[in-house]
Amino acid sequence: MLVTNLSILVLAGFVGYAVISKVPNTLHTPLMSGTNAIHGIVVLGGIILLADGAATGFLSKLLLVIAVAFGTINVVGGFLVTDRMLEMFKSKPKELVEADAEDGK
């Protein structure tokens, strides 16, 4: 059973790397939004399991805390990157456009 699970984990890692390495840079941010949703589910599930007391034993609780921490970091970082990218597409206020035009004279 352990060998089968480890084999599946290793194969999933290779397949994931092969798929992600072929994604163009322009699709990185939309895909990050999808991973934010997935990690949001991880965070919520981990918090529910910790609050219910469903996790017994120190190792289970430690792994849940680590999963919640890493999931939170990924969600927050993903939203910050997405917000920065979306800022590039917003138009400048009219005063800044006029000031930039005057500086170019």
C-alpha atoms as a PDB file:
ATOM      1  CA  MET A   1       0.000   0.000   0.000  1.00  0.00           C
ATOM      2  CA  LEU A   2       2.777   2.436   0.929  1.00  0.00           C
ATOM      3  CA  VAL A   3       4.749   1.665  -2.233  1.00  0.00           C
ATOM      4  CA  THR A   4       1.631   2.185  -4.362  1.00  0.00           C
ATOM      5  CA  ASN A   5       0.861   5.530  -2.715  1.00  0.00           C
ATOM      6  CA  LEU A   6       4.451   6.722  -3.078  1.00  0.00           C
ATOM      7  CA  SER A   7       4.478   5.654  -6.739  1.00  0.00           C
ATOM      8  CA  ILE A   8       1.299   7.641  -7.388  1.00  0.00           C
ATOM      9  CA  LEU A   9       2.783  10.675  -5.609  1.00  0.00           C
ATOM     10  CA  VAL A  10       5.982  10.547  -7.684  1.00  0.00           C
ATOM     11  CA  LEU A  11       4.090  10.065 -10.954  1.00  0.00           C
ATOM     12  CA  ALA A  12       1.729  12.938 -10.076  1.00  0.00           C
ATOM     13  CA  GLY A  13       4.772  15.131  -9.455  1.00  0.00           C
ATOM     14  CA  PHE A  14       6.236  14.315 -12.859  1.00  0.00           C
ATOM     15  CA  VAL A  15       2.915  14.859 -14.643  1.00  0.00           C
ATOM     16  CA  GLY A  16       2.342  18.136 -12.787  1.00  0.00           C
ATOM     17  CA  TYR A  17       5.801  19.395 -13.717  1.00  0.00           C
ATOM     18  CA  ALA A  18       5.296  18.424 -17.372  1.00  0.00           C
ATOM     19  CA  VAL A  19       1.943  20.211 -17.524  1.00  0.00           C
ATOM     20  CA  ILE A  20       2.996  23.382 -15.682  1.00  0.00           C
ATOM     21  CA  SER A  21       6.255  23.777 -17.631  1.00  0.00           C
ATOM     22  CA  LYS A  22       4.265  24.106 -20.857  1.00  0.00           C
ATOM     23  CA  VAL A  23       2.011  26.928 -19.584  1.00  0.00           C
ATOM     24  CA  PRO A  24       2.864  30.290 -21.198  1.00  0.00           C
ATOM     25  CA  ASN A  25       3.632  33.257 -18.957  1.00  0.00           C
ATOM     26  CA  THR A  26       0.462  35.072 -20.014  1.00  0.00           C
ATOM     27  CA  LEU A  27      -1.668  32.358 -18.400  1.00  0.00           C
ATOM     28  CA  HIS A  28       0.224  32.348 -15.095  1.00  0.00           C
ATOM     29  CA  THR A  29      -2.002  34.850 -13.280  1.00  0.00           C
ATOM     30  CA  PRO A  30      -5.363  33.338 -14.292  1.00  0.00           C
ATOM     31  CA  LEU A  31      -4.099  29.939 -13.165  1.00  0.00           C
ATOM     32  CA  MET A  32      -2.969  31.486  -9.896  1.00  0.00           C
ATOM     33  CA  SER A  33      -6.535  32.618  -9.267  1.00  0.00           C
ATOM     34  CA  GLY A  34      -7.642  29.012  -9.580  1.00  0.00           C
ATOM     35  CA  THR A  35      -4.993  27.804  -7.147  1.00  0.00           C
ATOM     36  CA  ASN A  36      -6.107  30.518  -4.720  1.00  0.00           C
ATOM     37  CA  ALA A  37      -9.565  28.960  -4.707  1.00  0.00           C
ATOM     38  CA  ILE A  38      -8.123  25.478  -4.151  1.00  0.00           C
ATOM     39  CA  HIS A  39      -5.896  26.643  -1.310  1.00  0.00           C
ATOM     40  CA  GLY A  40      -8.829  28.514   0.192  1.00  0.00           C
ATOM     41  CA  ILE A  41     -10.573  25.141   0.432  1.00  0.00           C
ATOM     42  CA  VAL A  42      -7.453  23.629   2.024  1.00  0.00           C
ATOM     43  CA  VAL A  43      -7.359  26.419   4.606  1.00  0.00           C
ATOM     44  CA  LEU A  44     -11.059  26.117   5.397  1.00  0.00           C
ATOM     45  CA  GLY A  45     -10.896  22.310   5.630  1.00  0.00           C
ATOM     46  CA  GLY A  46      -7.843  22.433   7.884  1.00  0.00           C
ATOM     47  CA  ILE A  47      -9.471  24.944  10.212  1.00  0.00           C
ATOM     48  CA  ILE A  48     -12.667  22.862  10.390  1.00  0.00           C
ATOM     49  CA  LEU A  49     -10.692  19.690  11.181  1.00  0.00           C
ATOM     50  CA  LEU A  50      -8.707  21.485  13.883  1.00  0.00           C
ATOM     51  CA  ALA A  51     -11.845  23.043  15.416  1.00  0.00           C
ATOM     52  CA  ASP A  52     -13.850  19.768  15.376  1.00  0.00           C
ATOM     53  CA  GLY A  53     -11.094  17.843  17.072  1.00  0.00           C
ATOM     54  CA  ALA A  54     -11.210  15.281  14.255  1.00  0.00           C
ATOM     55  CA  ALA A  55      -7.418  15.243  14.124  1.00  0.00           C
ATOM     56  CA  THR A  56      -6.031  13.025  16.849  1.00  0.00           C
ATOM     57  CA  GLY A  57      -2.391  12.893  17.704  1.00  0.00           C
ATOM     58  CA  PHE A  58       0.352  15.443  17.625  1.00  0.00           C
ATOM     59  CA  LEU A  59       1.569  14.667  14.089  1.00  0.00           C
ATOM     60  CA  SER A  60      -1.901  15.083  12.558  1.00  0.00           C
ATOM     61  CA  LYS A  61      -2.420  18.412  14.268  1.00  0.00           C
ATOM     62  CA  LEU A  62       1.055  19.605  13.271  1.00  0.00           C
ATOM     63  CA  LEU A  63       0.481  18.692   9.625  1.00  0.00           C
ATOM     64  CA  LEU A  64      -2.880  20.492   9.668  1.00  0.00           C
ATOM     65  CA  VAL A  65      -1.317  23.632  11.116  1.00  0.00           C
ATOM     66  CA  ILE A  66       1.410  23.532   8.469  1.00  0.00           C
ATOM     67  CA  ALA A  67      -1.197  23.014   5.704  1.00  0.00           C
ATOM     68  CA  VAL A  68      -3.270  25.940   6.979  1.00  0.00           C
ATOM     69  CA  ALA A  69      -0.181  28.181   7.233  1.00  0.00           C
ATOM     70  CA  PHE A  70       1.114  27.357   3.727  1.00  0.00           C
ATOM     71  CA  GLY A  71      -2.370  27.586   2.234  1.00  0.00           C
ATOM     72  CA  THR A  72      -2.854  31.015   3.813  1.00  0.00           C
ATOM     73  CA  ILE A  73       0.508  32.226   2.513  1.00  0.00           C
ATOM     74  CA  ASN A  74      -0.384  31.045  -0.998  1.00  0.00           C
ATOM     75  CA  VAL A  75      -3.845  32.638  -0.943  1.00  0.00           C
ATOM     76  CA  VAL A  76      -2.594  36.009   0.311  1.00  0.00           C
ATOM     77  CA  GLY A  77       0.423  36.026  -2.016  1.00  0.00           C
ATOM     78  CA  GLY A  78      -1.710  35.030  -4.985  1.00  0.00           C
ATOM     79  CA  PHE A  79      -4.203  37.800  -4.373  1.00  0.00           C
ATOM     80  CA  LEU A  80      -1.389  40.359  -3.984  1.00  0.00           C
ATOM     81  CA  VAL A  81       0.192  39.296  -7.284  1.00  0.00           C
ATOM     82  CA  THR A  82      -3.181  39.290  -9.043  1.00  0.00           C
ATOM     83  CA  ASP A  83      -3.973  42.751  -7.676  1.00  0.00           C
ATOM     84  CA  ARG A  84      -0.611  44.121  -8.868  1.00  0.00           C
ATOM     85  CA  MET A  85      -1.194  42.673 -12.324  1.00  0.00           C
ATOM     86  CA  LEU A  86      -4.672  44.177 -12.555  1.00  0.00           C
ATOM     87  CA  GLU A  87      -3.267  47.589 -11.538  1.00  0.00           C
ATOM     88  CA  MET A  88      -1.254  47.606 -14.776  1.00  0.00           C
ATOM     89  CA  PHE A  89      -4.453  47.601 -16.807  1.00  0.00           C
ATOM     90  CA  LYS A  90      -6.146  50.510 -15.020  1.00  0.00           C
ATOM     91  CA  SER A  91      -6.025  53.864 -16.723  1.00  0.00           C
ATOM     92  CA  LYS A  92      -4.217  56.762 -15.088  1.00  0.00           C
ATOM     93  CA  PRO A  93      -6.207  59.648 -13.609  1.00  0.00           C
ATOM     94  CA  LYS A  94      -6.522  62.609 -15.987  1.00  0.00           C
ATOM     95  CA  GLU A  95      -4.241  64.839 -13.879  1.00  0.00           C
ATOM     96  CA  LEU A  96      -1.372  62.341 -14.051  1.00  0.00           C
ATOM     97  CA  VAL A  97      -1.743  61.937 -17.806  1.00  0.00           C
ATOM     98  CA  GLU A  98      -1.595  65.728 -18.274  1.00  0.00           C
ATOM     99  CA  ALA A  99       1.413  66.018 -15.939  1.00  0.00           C
ATOM    100  CA  ASP A 100       3.242  63.285 -17.861  1.00  0.00           C
ATOM    101  CA  ALA A 101       2.465  65.071 -21.138  1.00  0.00           C
ATOM    102  CA  GLU A 102       3.867  68.354 -19.765  1.00  0.00           C
ATOM    103  CA  ASP A 103       7.043  66.660 -18.547  1.00  0.00           C
ATOM    104  CA  GLY A 104       7.617  65.230 -22.016  1.00  0.00           C
ATOM    105  CA  LYS A 105       7.722  68.660 -23.683  1.00  0.00           C
END
